[in-house]
Amino acid sequence: MNDRNDRNDRNSSEFVDKLIGVRRVAKTVKGGRRMSFGALVVIGDENGRVGWGKGKAKEVPEAVRKATEEAKRAMIRVPLRQGRTLHHEVLGRFGATKVVLKPAVPGTGIIAGGAMRAVFEAMGIKDVVCKALGSTNEYNLIQATFAAFADMETPRSIAAKRGIKLTDLLLHKEEASKGEVDQKELNAEAAEQKKTNKAASTKPAAKGRTDKPAGKPRKEEKPAKAEMQMVSKTASLKQAVGKDDAKSEAPKAEAAAPAEAPVAEAKSE
């Protein structure tokens, strides 16, 4: 019996446990409300193995103990690169939560917060960059992170699935990364050329140049509505005055015509 207890104590000392949070929960029954506590725990060996569990009890220590036992039973192994970071970028989803996990260069550290940081510390990751989108509930974050771990693969397993050698896979990866670098350089050159052309087109023209493009002919300004009305009234008045003058000159001409007739007869005699 003592040997079993010693073995359990030794196994417990090999793991690092992180208490994510404790919350108070209530259950409504016929006789009233029953209060209890819920605990969320993450446990790992700092060498790629990690697990999480939750427990509920009337007292906090008992809830933490139950969560720790469940985390030990649910431990998984995640392949690490060089024992410090992830092999590749991976995406995990759970409910309304989405997490993005990216490998990082040495010295970056754990760029994550809350429950995700506790998971990486327990499993022994030193350099990683994470982003959480959507809900930031602790339970959702942990389950989304473990869903991302389920899609983590090593180069050896990828080569075995494709039926190719590991060296061929690494060579293809190097060529792909080189192609991405070349494409980035081409894009940078195109952007620089576009900027140069734009600067040349906006440069002011030299003095003495006469080859400026002719602008559009200027439209004649239309007279205002009031001016047009005045012009039309003036024209109508002139027409009325002309008619009156013509009527007054007609009787004078008729009166002058008989007076001239006797003079002409006298001259003929």
Protein backbone atom coordinates (compact mmCIF):
# COMPACT_ATOMS: atom_id res chain seq x y z
CA MET A 1 0.00 0.00 0.00
CA ASN A 2 2.85 2.34 0.83
CA ASP A 3 4.55 1.50 -2.50
CA ARG A 4 1.40 2.50 -4.37
CA ASN A 5 1.19 5.82 -2.56
CA ASP A 6 4.87 6.50 -3.26
CA ARG A 7 4.34 5.74 -6.94
CA ASN A 8 1.37 8.10 -7.13
CA ASP A 9 3.33 10.85 -5.40
CA ARG A 10 6.24 10.36 -7.81
CA ASN A 11 3.94 10.51 -10.84
CA SER A 12 2.26 13.64 -9.48
CA SER A 13 5.60 15.36 -9.03
CA GLU A 14 6.43 14.77 -12.71
CA PHE A 15 3.56 16.99 -13.85
CA VAL A 16 2.98 20.71 -13.68
CA ASP A 17 -0.61 21.69 -12.95
CA LYS A 18 -2.13 25.09 -13.68
CA LEU A 19 -5.37 26.20 -12.07
CA ILE A 20 -7.21 28.20 -14.74
CA GLY A 21 -10.12 29.32 -12.62
CA VAL A 22 -12.69 28.52 -9.96
CA ARG A 23 -16.29 29.61 -10.21
CA ARG A 24 -19.33 29.23 -8.03
CA VAL A 25 -22.26 27.39 -9.53
CA ALA A 26 -25.80 26.85 -8.29
CA LYS A 27 -28.36 24.16 -9.00
CA THR A 28 -32.02 24.87 -8.38
CA VAL A 29 -33.95 21.92 -6.93
CA LYS A 30 -37.34 21.47 -5.32
CA GLY A 31 -36.08 22.40 -1.88
CA GLY A 32 -34.12 25.47 -3.04
CA ARG A 33 -30.69 26.18 -4.53
CA ARG A 34 -27.66 23.98 -3.99
CA MET A 35 -24.37 25.87 -4.15
CA SER A 36 -21.13 24.26 -5.32
CA PHE A 37 -17.78 25.15 -6.92
CA GLY A 38 -16.38 24.31 -10.34
CA ALA A 39 -12.64 24.21 -11.11
CA LEU A 40 -10.75 24.16 -14.42
CA VAL A 41 -7.22 22.69 -14.39
CA VAL A 42 -4.50 22.14 -17.02
CA ILE A 43 -1.70 19.65 -16.37
CA GLY A 44 1.44 18.79 -18.36
CA ASP A 45 4.95 17.32 -18.17
CA GLU A 46 6.70 20.25 -19.95
CA ASN A 47 7.76 17.84 -22.69
CA GLY A 48 4.83 17.79 -25.11
CA ARG A 49 2.21 16.05 -22.96
CA VAL A 50 -0.77 18.07 -21.77
CA GLY A 51 -4.33 17.57 -20.60
CA TRP A 52 -7.21 19.50 -19.12
CA GLY A 53 -10.10 18.69 -16.83
CA LYS A 54 -12.94 20.20 -14.85
CA GLY A 55 -14.35 19.20 -11.49
CA LYS A 56 -17.27 20.21 -9.32
CA ALA A 57 -17.73 19.80 -5.56
CA LYS A 58 -19.11 21.57 -2.53
CA GLU A 59 -15.60 22.65 -1.51
CA VAL A 60 -12.88 24.24 -3.65
CA PRO A 61 -10.05 21.77 -2.82
CA GLU A 62 -12.22 18.81 -3.72
CA ALA A 63 -13.24 20.44 -7.02
CA VAL A 64 -9.58 21.10 -7.87
CA ARG A 65 -8.65 17.49 -7.05
CA LYS A 66 -11.39 16.13 -9.30
CA ALA A 67 -10.33 18.43 -12.15
CA THR A 68 -6.69 17.35 -11.78
CA GLU A 69 -7.59 13.66 -11.89
CA GLU A 70 -9.68 14.19 -15.01
CA ALA A 71 -6.84 16.13 -16.66
CA LYS A 72 -4.40 13.27 -15.99
CA ARG A 73 -6.74 10.77 -17.63
CA ALA A 74 -7.22 12.99 -20.71
CA MET A 75 -3.57 13.80 -21.46
CA ILE A 76 -2.37 13.87 -25.08
CA ARG A 77 1.05 14.19 -26.68
CA VAL A 78 1.68 17.09 -29.05
CA PRO A 79 4.73 16.90 -31.36
CA LEU A 80 7.11 19.82 -30.83
CA ARG A 81 9.84 21.18 -33.06
CA GLN A 82 13.20 21.29 -31.30
CA GLY A 83 11.29 20.87 -28.05
CA ARG A 84 10.36 24.56 -27.93
CA THR A 85 7.71 25.48 -30.56
CA LEU A 86 5.10 24.10 -32.96
CA HIS A 87 5.84 22.50 -36.33
CA HIS A 88 3.45 24.61 -38.39
CA GLU A 89 0.58 27.06 -38.20
CA VAL A 90 -2.71 25.51 -37.18
CA LEU A 91 -6.30 26.65 -36.65
CA GLY A 92 -8.71 25.41 -33.99
CA ARG A 93 -12.43 26.01 -33.47
CA PHE A 94 -14.89 25.31 -30.71
CA GLY A 95 -18.30 26.93 -30.49
CA ALA A 96 -17.98 30.66 -31.07
CA THR A 97 -14.21 30.61 -30.45
CA LYS A 98 -11.46 30.38 -33.04
CA VAL A 99 -7.74 30.28 -32.24
CA VAL A 100 -4.72 30.58 -34.53
CA LEU A 101 -1.42 29.07 -33.34
CA LYS A 102 1.84 29.94 -35.12
CA PRO A 103 5.42 28.76 -34.53
CA ALA A 104 7.98 31.39 -33.60
CA VAL A 105 11.75 31.89 -33.68
CA PRO A 106 13.85 31.42 -30.54
CA GLY A 107 13.54 34.28 -28.09
CA THR A 108 9.98 35.19 -29.03
CA GLY A 109 8.41 33.77 -25.89
CA ILE A 110 4.78 32.81 -25.34
CA ILE A 111 2.62 35.47 -26.92
CA ALA A 112 -0.75 34.33 -25.62
CA GLY A 113 -3.02 35.19 -22.77
CA GLY A 114 -5.22 33.61 -20.17
CA ALA A 115 -5.98 29.93 -20.47
CA MET A 116 -3.88 29.49 -23.63
CA ARG A 117 -0.71 30.64 -21.88
CA ALA A 118 -1.26 28.10 -19.10
CA VAL A 119 -1.61 25.32 -21.67
CA PHE A 120 1.67 26.20 -23.41
CA GLU A 121 3.56 26.56 -20.14
CA ALA A 122 2.33 23.16 -18.95
CA MET A 123 3.34 21.39 -22.17
CA GLY A 124 6.79 23.02 -22.32
CA ILE A 125 6.47 25.35 -25.32
CA LYS A 126 8.88 28.30 -25.17
CA ASP A 127 8.14 30.25 -28.39
CA VAL A 128 4.68 30.60 -29.92
CA VAL A 129 2.36 33.30 -31.25
CA CYS A 130 -1.39 32.91 -30.73
CA LYS A 131 -4.52 34.84 -31.63
CA ALA A 132 -8.00 34.24 -30.24
CA LEU A 133 -11.07 35.35 -32.20
CA GLY A 134 -14.67 35.38 -31.08
CA SER A 135 -15.65 34.27 -27.60
CA THR A 136 -12.91 34.36 -24.94
CA ASN A 137 -14.61 32.00 -22.53
CA GLU A 138 -11.96 29.93 -20.70
CA TYR A 139 -13.61 26.60 -21.45
CA ASN A 140 -14.03 27.46 -25.13
CA LEU A 141 -10.43 28.69 -25.43
CA ILE A 142 -8.96 25.49 -24.00
CA GLN A 143 -11.13 23.20 -26.11
CA ALA A 144 -10.35 25.22 -29.27
CA THR A 145 -6.63 24.98 -28.45
CA PHE A 146 -6.82 21.22 -28.02
CA ALA A 147 -8.78 20.96 -31.27
CA ALA A 148 -5.87 22.73 -32.98
CA PHE A 149 -3.41 20.28 -31.37
CA ALA A 150 -5.35 17.41 -32.95
CA ASP A 151 -4.40 18.73 -36.40
CA MET A 152 -0.69 19.10 -35.58
CA GLU A 153 1.58 16.89 -37.71
CA THR A 154 5.30 16.33 -38.03
CA PRO A 155 7.17 16.43 -41.37
CA ARG A 156 7.74 12.68 -41.05
CA SER A 157 4.01 11.92 -40.74
CA ILE A 158 3.21 14.23 -43.68
CA ALA A 159 5.81 12.50 -45.84
CA ALA A 160 4.38 9.10 -44.89
CA LYS A 161 0.86 10.19 -45.86
CA ARG A 162 2.06 11.49 -49.23
CA GLY A 163 4.19 8.43 -49.87
CA ILE A 164 7.40 10.39 -50.41
CA LYS A 165 10.74 10.60 -48.66
CA LEU A 166 11.33 13.07 -45.89
CA THR A 167 14.24 14.65 -47.80
CA ASP A 168 12.00 15.24 -50.83
CA LEU A 169 9.40 16.91 -48.63
CA LEU A 170 11.98 19.21 -47.05
CA LEU A 171 13.42 20.06 -50.48
CA HIS A 172 9.95 20.90 -51.78
CA LYS A 173 9.37 23.08 -48.73
CA GLU A 174 12.63 24.97 -49.35
CA GLU A 175 11.71 25.54 -53.00
CA ALA A 176 8.26 26.77 -52.01
CA SER A 177 9.72 29.20 -49.48
CA LYS A 178 12.22 30.42 -52.07
CA GLY A 179 9.40 30.95 -54.55
CA GLU A 180 7.51 32.98 -51.96
CA VAL A 181 10.59 35.15 -51.40
CA ASP A 182 11.01 35.69 -55.14
CA GLN A 183 7.35 36.62 -55.49
CA LYS A 184 7.66 39.12 -52.64
CA GLU A 185 10.69 40.69 -54.34
CA LEU A 186 8.80 40.97 -57.63
CA ASN A 187 5.85 42.58 -55.88
CA ALA A 188 8.17 45.06 -54.17
CA GLU A 189 9.82 45.97 -57.49
CA ALA A 190 6.44 46.44 -59.17
CA ALA A 191 5.27 48.69 -56.35
CA GLU A 192 8.46 50.78 -56.60
CA GLN A 193 8.09 51.12 -60.38
CA LYS A 194 4.46 52.17 -59.99
CA LYS A 195 5.46 54.79 -57.44
CA THR A 196 8.17 56.13 -59.79
CA ASN A 197 5.76 56.38 -62.72
CA LYS A 198 3.22 58.20 -60.58
CA ALA A 199 5.83 60.71 -59.42
CA ALA A 200 6.91 61.34 -63.03
CA SER A 201 3.34 61.91 -64.19
CA THR A 202 2.67 64.46 -61.45
CA LYS A 203 5.92 66.41 -62.08
CA PRO A 204 5.25 70.09 -63.17
CA ALA A 205 5.85 70.91 -66.86
CA ALA A 206 8.98 72.87 -67.90
CA LYS A 207 8.79 76.59 -68.77
CA GLY A 208 8.24 77.52 -72.42
CA ARG A 209 6.36 74.39 -73.35
CA THR A 210 3.40 74.98 -75.63
CA ASP A 211 2.22 71.41 -76.08
CA LYS A 212 -0.34 71.61 -73.34
CA PRO A 213 -3.52 69.81 -74.19
CA ALA A 214 -6.25 72.16 -75.24
CA GLY A 215 -8.95 72.47 -72.69
CA LYS A 216 -12.63 72.23 -73.36
CA PRO A 217 -14.22 75.36 -74.96
CA ARG A 218 -15.84 77.56 -72.42
CA LYS A 219 -19.57 77.52 -72.56
CA GLU A 220 -21.33 80.81 -73.27
CA GLU A 221 -23.10 82.17 -70.29
CA LYS A 222 -26.82 82.25 -70.70
CA PRO A 223 -28.57 85.55 -69.85
CA ALA A 224 -30.54 85.60 -66.73
CA LYS A 225 -34.26 85.02 -66.88
CA ALA A 226 -35.06 88.63 -65.88
CA GLU A 227 -32.82 90.03 -68.64
CA MET A 228 -34.52 87.84 -71.23
CA GLN A 229 -37.93 89.11 -70.11
CA MET A 230 -36.76 92.75 -70.39
CA VAL A 231 -35.44 92.16 -73.91
CA SER A 232 -38.74 90.60 -75.02
CA LYS A 233 -40.74 93.51 -73.51
CA THR A 234 -38.54 96.11 -75.28
CA ALA A 235 -38.99 94.34 -78.61
CA SER A 236 -42.77 94.25 -78.21
CA LEU A 237 -42.85 98.00 -77.33
CA LYS A 238 -40.82 98.86 -80.43
CA GLN A 239 -43.23 96.90 -82.61
CA ALA A 240 -46.22 98.70 -81.07
CA VAL A 241 -44.62 102.16 -81.62
CA GLY A 242 -43.84 101.30 -85.24
CA LYS A 243 -47.42 100.36 -85.92
CA ASP A 244 -48.71 103.65 -84.40
CA ASP A 245 -46.32 105.73 -86.56
CA ALA A 246 -47.46 103.96 -89.70
CA LYS A 247 -51.12 104.66 -88.90
CA SER A 248 -50.46 108.40 -88.27
CA GLU A 249 -48.50 108.88 -91.54
CA ALA A 250 -51.20 107.33 -93.74
CA PRO A 251 -53.81 110.24 -93.48
CA LYS A 252 -51.12 112.85 -94.12
CA ALA A 253 -50.16 111.19 -97.36
CA GLU A 254 -53.80 111.06 -98.48
CA ALA A 255 -54.28 114.79 -97.70
CA ALA A 256 -51.18 115.84 -99.60
CA ALA A 257 -52.07 113.95 -102.77
CA PRO A 258 -55.13 116.12 -103.95
CA ALA A 259 -53.29 119.37 -103.31
CA GLU A 260 -50.55 118.42 -105.71
CA ALA A 261 -53.01 117.58 -108.53
CA PRO A 262 -54.17 121.19 -109.39
CA VAL A 263 -50.61 122.40 -109.50
CA ALA A 264 -49.84 119.81 -112.08
CA GLU A 265 -52.92 120.84 -114.16
CA ALA A 266 -51.91 124.52 -114.06
CA LYS A 267 -48.50 123.75 -115.39
CA SER A 268 -49.97 121.81 -118.28
CA GLU A 269 -52.20 124.74 -119.33
